[in-house]
Protein backbone atom coordinates (compact mmCIF):
# COMPACT_ATOMS: atom_id res chain seq x y z
CA UNK A 1 5.15 -16.20 22.70
CA UNK A 2 5.56 -13.88 25.23
CA UNK A 3 5.55 -10.42 23.87
CA UNK A 4 6.69 -6.41 25.14
CA UNK A 5 5.00 -4.40 22.32
CA UNK A 6 5.93 -0.45 21.74
CA UNK A 7 3.98 1.83 19.49
CA UNK A 8 1.99 4.82 19.67
CA UNK A 9 -0.49 5.64 16.04
CA UNK A 10 -2.96 3.49 14.49
CA UNK A 11 -0.08 2.15 11.96
CA UNK A 12 1.27 0.35 15.61
CA UNK A 13 -2.63 -0.52 16.82
CA UNK A 14 -2.83 -2.58 13.39
CA UNK A 15 0.02 -4.88 14.98
CA UNK A 16 -0.89 -5.29 18.05
CA UNK A 17 -4.26 -6.42 17.22
CA UNK A 18 -2.81 -8.82 14.74
CA UNK A 19 -0.60 -10.38 17.34
CA UNK A 20 -3.57 -10.30 20.01
CA UNK A 21 -5.46 -12.38 17.09
CA UNK A 22 -2.82 -14.68 16.24
CA UNK A 23 -3.03 -15.59 20.14
CA UNK A 24 0.35 -14.01 21.06
CA UNK A 25 0.42 -13.23 24.87
CA UNK A 26 1.33 -9.35 25.09
CA UNK A 27 2.37 -9.12 28.28
CA UNK A 28 3.20 -5.11 28.56
CA UNK A 29 2.69 -2.27 26.20
CA UNK A 30 4.85 0.74 25.88
CA UNK A 31 2.97 3.99 24.40
CA UNK A 32 3.62 7.45 24.16
CA UNK A 33 1.62 9.65 27.00
CA UNK A 34 -1.64 11.07 26.41
CA UNK A 35 -1.36 14.34 24.16
CA UNK A 36 -3.33 17.14 23.79
CA UNK A 37 -6.00 16.65 20.44
CA UNK A 38 -8.97 18.50 19.13
CA UNK A 39 -10.34 21.79 19.15
CA UNK A 40 -10.82 21.88 23.32
CA UNK A 41 -6.93 20.22 23.56
CA UNK A 42 -8.38 17.40 25.64
CA UNK A 43 -5.77 14.96 26.86
CA UNK A 44 -6.32 12.24 24.46
CA UNK A 45 -4.83 8.53 24.94
CA UNK A 46 -3.16 6.89 21.77
CA UNK A 47 -4.54 4.10 19.49
CA UNK A 48 -2.21 1.58 20.75
CA UNK A 49 -3.14 2.93 24.37
CA UNK A 50 -6.79 2.70 23.69
CA UNK A 51 -6.39 -0.74 22.10
CA UNK A 52 -4.28 -2.49 25.00
CA UNK A 53 -6.81 -1.15 27.83
CA UNK A 54 -9.66 -2.64 25.87
CA UNK A 55 -7.53 -6.31 25.45
CA UNK A 56 -6.58 -5.86 29.30
CA UNK A 57 -2.98 -5.15 28.91
CA UNK A 58 -0.94 -3.09 31.13
CA UNK A 59 0.18 -0.06 29.77
CA UNK A 60 3.71 2.15 30.62
CA UNK A 61 3.66 5.87 29.28
CA UNK A 62 7.63 7.00 29.88
CA UNK A 63 8.12 10.66 28.88
CA UNK A 64 12.05 8.97 28.18
CA UNK A 65 13.67 5.58 28.43
CA UNK A 66 17.15 7.27 28.71
CA UNK A 67 18.98 7.05 31.79
CA UNK A 68 20.64 10.67 31.34
CA UNK A 69 17.11 12.09 31.20
CA UNK A 70 15.49 10.15 33.46
CA UNK A 71 18.25 8.61 36.16
CA UNK A 72 15.44 7.47 38.42
CA UNK A 73 12.77 6.74 36.43
CA UNK A 74 13.89 5.49 33.38
CA UNK A 75 16.21 2.57 35.06
CA UNK A 76 12.58 1.36 37.04
CA UNK A 77 11.11 1.10 33.45
CA UNK A 78 14.29 -0.86 31.93
CA UNK A 79 13.92 -3.34 34.98
CA UNK A 80 10.35 -3.48 34.52
CA UNK A 81 10.34 -4.83 30.91
CA UNK A 82 13.76 -7.24 31.97
CA UNK A 83 11.08 -8.79 34.79
CA UNK A 84 8.36 -9.66 31.94
CA UNK A 85 10.95 -12.27 30.76
CA UNK A 86 9.05 -12.15 27.52
CA UNK A 87 10.53 -13.90 24.02
CA UNK A 88 10.62 -10.62 22.01
CA UNK A 89 10.13 -6.67 21.88
CA UNK A 90 7.71 -5.66 19.00
CA UNK A 91 8.36 -1.92 17.98
CA UNK A 92 5.95 -0.21 15.74
CA UNK A 93 6.40 3.67 15.24
CA UNK A 94 6.95 4.35 19.20
CA UNK A 95 8.61 7.48 19.22
CA UNK A 96 11.01 7.16 21.87
CA UNK A 97 14.49 6.56 21.53
CA UNK A 98 15.42 2.96 23.12
CA UNK A 99 18.42 1.94 25.11
CA UNK A 100 20.27 -1.09 24.60
CA UNK A 101 19.10 -1.67 27.82
CA UNK A 102 15.72 -2.18 26.66
CA UNK A 103 16.84 -3.35 23.66
CA UNK A 104 18.28 -6.26 25.03
CA UNK A 105 15.37 -6.70 27.57
CA UNK A 106 13.74 -9.73 25.65
CA UNK A 107 15.15 -13.90 25.73
CA UNK A 108 15.48 -13.59 21.99
CA UNK A 109 14.17 -16.05 18.92
CA UNK A 110 15.63 -16.92 15.44
CA UNK A 111 17.92 -19.47 14.33
CA UNK A 112 20.94 -17.65 15.74
CA UNK A 113 18.79 -16.68 19.20
CA UNK A 114 19.77 -12.95 19.25
CA UNK A 115 16.80 -10.97 17.88
CA UNK A 116 15.71 -9.47 21.17
CA UNK A 117 13.63 -6.72 19.14
CA UNK A 118 11.73 -6.43 16.20
CA UNK A 119 11.03 -3.21 14.33
CA UNK A 120 8.10 -2.95 11.92
CA UNK A 121 9.62 -0.29 9.40
CA UNK A 122 7.50 1.09 6.50
CA UNK A 123 9.92 1.29 3.78
CA UNK A 124 12.31 -1.00 1.87
CA UNK A 125 15.84 -0.71 4.22
CA UNK A 126 17.78 1.03 3.48
CA UNK A 127 16.11 2.98 1.57
CA UNK A 128 13.88 5.76 3.54
CA UNK A 129 15.63 5.08 7.04
CA UNK A 130 14.09 7.73 9.68
CA UNK A 131 11.03 9.56 10.42
CA UNK A 132 8.64 9.88 7.65
CA UNK A 133 9.47 7.05 5.11
CA UNK A 134 5.87 6.89 3.58
CA UNK A 135 5.80 10.49 2.62
CA UNK A 136 9.28 10.49 1.46
CA UNK A 137 8.87 7.70 -0.80
CA UNK A 138 5.70 9.22 -2.07
CA UNK A 139 7.32 12.89 -2.60
CA UNK A 140 10.07 11.24 -4.38
CA UNK A 141 8.16 9.58 -6.62
CA UNK A 142 9.23 6.46 -5.63
CA UNK A 143 7.43 2.95 -8.07
CA UNK A 144 7.10 1.00 -4.89
CA UNK A 145 7.71 0.59 -1.09
CA UNK A 146 6.91 -2.09 1.29
CA UNK A 147 7.61 -2.93 5.20
CA UNK A 148 10.71 -4.17 6.52
CA UNK A 149 11.26 -6.37 9.74
CA UNK A 150 14.75 -5.32 11.24
CA UNK A 151 16.26 -6.80 14.26
CA UNK A 152 16.99 -3.21 16.03
CA UNK A 153 20.09 -1.85 17.18
CA UNK A 154 20.98 1.46 18.31
CA UNK A 155 21.48 3.20 15.00
CA UNK A 156 18.96 5.23 13.39
CA UNK A 157 16.83 2.10 11.27
CA UNK A 158 20.44 0.52 10.41
CA UNK A 159 19.47 -2.88 11.58
CA UNK A 160 19.45 -6.07 9.96
CA UNK A 161 16.35 -7.28 8.06
CA UNK A 162 14.55 -10.32 8.97
CA UNK A 163 11.82 -10.32 6.43
CA UNK A 164 10.28 -7.61 3.61
CA UNK A 165 7.26 -7.03 1.80
CA UNK A 166 6.50 -4.68 -1.01
CA UNK A 167 3.40 -3.04 -2.46
CA UNK A 168 3.60 -1.01 -5.63
CA UNK A 169 2.94 2.98 -4.63
CA UNK A 170 -0.37 4.23 -7.15
CA UNK A 171 -0.90 7.38 -8.69
CA UNK A 172 -3.67 8.39 -6.63
CA UNK A 173 -1.76 6.95 -3.01
CA UNK A 174 -1.56 10.07 -0.48
CA UNK A 175 0.09 9.55 2.82
CA UNK A 176 -2.60 8.36 4.43
CA UNK A 177 -3.91 5.77 2.58
CA UNK A 178 -0.66 4.48 1.92
CA UNK A 179 -0.11 4.47 5.92
CA UNK A 180 -3.38 2.31 6.18
CA UNK A 181 -2.01 -0.09 3.56
CA UNK A 182 1.40 -0.59 5.21
CA UNK A 183 -0.14 -0.66 8.37
CA UNK A 184 -2.21 -4.09 7.48
CA UNK A 185 1.00 -5.16 5.48
CA UNK A 186 2.77 -4.71 8.20
CA UNK A 187 0.90 -6.00 10.66
CA UNK A 188 0.55 -9.71 8.40
CA UNK A 189 4.32 -9.77 7.74
CA UNK A 190 5.07 -9.61 11.66
CA UNK A 191 2.16 -12.48 12.11
CA UNK A 192 3.46 -14.52 9.48
CA UNK A 193 7.38 -14.20 10.35
CA UNK A 194 6.55 -15.36 14.23
CA UNK A 195 4.48 -18.76 12.86
CA UNK A 196 8.48 -20.07 12.60
CA UNK A 197 10.30 -18.40 15.15
CA UNK A 198 12.81 -20.34 15.10
CA UNK A 199 13.66 -20.62 11.45
CA UNK A 200 13.95 -16.34 11.28
CA UNK A 201 17.40 -15.55 10.44
CA UNK A 202 18.87 -11.80 9.51
CA UNK A 203 21.20 -10.31 6.92
CA UNK A 204 22.87 -6.86 7.30
CA UNK A 205 21.62 -3.59 4.96
CA UNK A 206 23.52 -2.91 1.77
CA UNK A 207 25.61 -0.24 2.10
CA UNK A 208 24.08 1.35 -0.70
CA UNK A 209 21.00 3.10 -1.51
CA UNK A 210 21.08 4.60 1.73
CA UNK A 211 18.16 7.83 2.29
CA UNK A 212 16.67 9.35 5.04
CA UNK A 213 13.13 10.51 5.15
CA UNK A 214 13.30 13.88 7.42
CA UNK A 215 10.43 14.28 9.48
CA UNK A 216 7.81 16.22 8.14
CA UNK A 217 7.80 20.01 8.68
CA UNK A 218 4.75 22.83 8.56
CA UNK A 219 7.08 25.33 6.41
CA UNK A 220 7.10 22.36 3.71
CA UNK A 221 3.35 22.90 3.49
CA UNK A 222 4.01 26.42 1.60
CA UNK A 223 3.88 26.40 -2.51
CA UNK A 224 6.86 27.57 -4.34
CA UNK A 225 5.22 27.84 -8.18
CA UNK A 226 9.06 27.97 -9.13
CA UNK A 227 8.76 24.24 -8.21
CA UNK A 228 7.92 21.93 -11.30
CA UNK A 229 4.31 21.13 -11.23
CA UNK A 230 4.68 17.13 -10.99
CA UNK A 231 6.55 17.73 -7.79
CA UNK A 232 3.92 19.78 -6.25
CA UNK A 233 1.28 17.18 -7.23
CA UNK A 234 3.73 14.29 -5.38
CA UNK A 235 3.85 16.84 -2.52
CA UNK A 236 0.57 17.42 -2.28
CA UNK A 237 -0.19 13.56 -2.24
CA UNK A 238 2.74 12.98 0.27
CA UNK A 239 1.74 15.55 2.88
CA UNK A 240 -2.18 14.43 3.07
CA UNK A 241 -3.10 14.91 5.91
CA UNK A 242 -0.48 16.44 7.33
CA UNK A 243 1.40 19.40 7.35
CA UNK A 244 -0.56 19.52 3.17
CA UNK A 245 -0.34 21.99 0.63
CA UNK A 246 -1.06 25.20 0.26
CA UNK A 247 -0.36 28.67 -0.95
CA UNK A 248 -1.64 32.29 -0.29
CA UNK A 249 -3.95 34.83 -1.88
CA UNK A 250 -3.49 38.09 0.01
CA UNK A 251 -3.53 37.63 3.55
CA UNK A 252 -5.91 34.24 2.96
CA UNK A 253 -4.36 30.91 2.96
CA UNK A 254 -5.95 28.07 0.81
CA UNK A 255 -5.03 24.26 1.44
CA UNK A 256 -4.95 21.86 -1.83
CA UNK A 257 -6.58 18.26 -1.12
CA UNK A 258 -6.46 17.25 -4.84
CA UNK A 259 -4.46 18.17 -7.59
CA UNK A 260 -2.67 16.72 -10.73
CA UNK A 261 0.44 18.16 -12.90
CA UNK A 262 -1.01 19.11 -16.55
CA UNK A 263 0.78 21.09 -19.52
CA UNK A 264 1.02 24.89 -19.40
CA UNK A 265 3.38 27.52 -19.69
CA UNK A 266 3.28 31.30 -18.28
CA UNK A 267 5.76 32.80 -15.77
CA UNK A 268 5.77 30.87 -12.63
CA UNK A 269 2.10 31.64 -10.06
CA UNK A 270 0.17 32.85 -13.08
CA UNK A 271 -3.60 32.05 -13.23
CA UNK A 272 -4.03 29.76 -16.13
CA UNK A 273 -7.42 28.50 -15.63
CA UNK A 274 -10.08 29.99 -12.74
CA UNK A 275 -13.10 28.38 -13.29
CA UNK A 276 -14.63 24.70 -11.88
CA UNK A 277 -10.80 24.24 -11.41
CA UNK A 278 -8.09 26.52 -10.40
CA UNK A 279 -4.52 25.35 -12.56
CA UNK A 280 -1.57 27.65 -11.90
CA UNK A 281 1.64 27.52 -13.75
CA UNK A 282 5.02 26.37 -12.43
CA UNK A 283 8.53 26.23 -13.25
CA UNK A 284 7.56 23.34 -15.36
CA UNK A 285 4.02 22.52 -16.41
CA UNK A 286 1.05 23.37 -14.42
CA UNK A 287 -1.15 22.59 -11.13
CA UNK A 288 -4.16 21.61 -11.70
CA UNK A 289 -6.05 21.88 -8.23
CA UNK A 290 -9.83 20.71 -8.05
CA UNK A 291 -10.52 20.48 -4.29
CA UNK A 292 -9.35 23.49 -1.89
CA UNK A 293 -9.99 24.56 1.72
CA UNK A 294 -10.33 28.03 3.01
CA UNK A 295 -9.38 28.69 6.81
CA UNK A 296 -12.65 27.97 8.91
CA UNK A 297 -14.06 25.98 6.03
CA UNK A 298 -14.65 22.42 4.72
CA UNK A 299 -12.80 21.57 1.84
CA UNK A 300 -14.86 21.59 -1.80
CA UNK A 301 -14.76 21.63 -5.08
CA UNK A 302 -12.00 24.34 -6.15
CA UNK A 303 -15.14 26.47 -8.10
CA UNK A 304 -16.31 27.85 -4.44
CA UNK A 305 -12.97 29.07 -3.41
CA UNK A 306 -12.09 30.50 -6.90
CA UNK A 307 -15.75 32.63 -6.59
CA UNK A 308 -15.21 33.78 -3.33
CA UNK A 309 -11.74 34.73 -3.78
CA UNK A 310 -12.70 36.47 -6.69
CA UNK A 311 -9.41 34.27 -8.31
CA UNK A 312 -9.06 35.51 -12.15
CA UNK A 313 -7.02 34.32 -14.96
CA UNK A 314 -3.99 35.87 -15.83
CA UNK A 315 -3.33 37.00 -11.93
CA UNK A 316 -0.27 35.86 -10.35
CA UNK A 317 -0.31 34.10 -7.11
């Protein structure tokens, strides 16, 4: 099958690799432009671009696909996509809004012949539409999540579902570990779906159960001790590695890399234990932190940070 692929991070690169290994002809790849990265802020290509170049696939990196924003460049890209005469457009965490002209660029597959663009979305739609479905599922305490192959339309993740696969969310899962697992699940589900492209069909998403996964923002990383400990523990896992969970002591910001909710009662912010671990009272229960990180230092067992900052039992953070 001839495919145009649009994606940017490693999550998408797994799907691209799976398509290539399954023998599909990926004739063109769209991905985000190179971005500054690392301490030197060196321009760095996306994981999808790196893989596409290794596979010898042509790569386009438009800043936008909107005709309104780019009256000359965007139509040229649209025409380039149509000229491929691909059977299907596959999208995975691309990062740009796709206009109807792009969604209609391929011939189409499926029983009705109208599945022209498929999105690999990391949730069980309609729950957690939007930018950060994996993190929000962990934060909310969901017992399971999964991947939905969705027939794309103009709405934000509102398109009909084609196939889905489920996986439990474990008590140790972080955004990082769950993203890694869902990337493999999504790639496998896509390849499986395309084994019988003429049999694929879609069903509208349910009208009930819609939730939106808002983009993760840096201000969310700050700990408010007037929050339940169980919620903070889930946020730590949901926000790892970005934006993280952190608290301040004086003018020092400390990042939390491992924590659990435990029993404990005192005024929120009160240090209950300051030794091998750092335990702080919350609105309900307490947060026991075992791995911490100070600015400019590597992450380490909590005892080192407790000692270096002279944190004492009974003080209020």
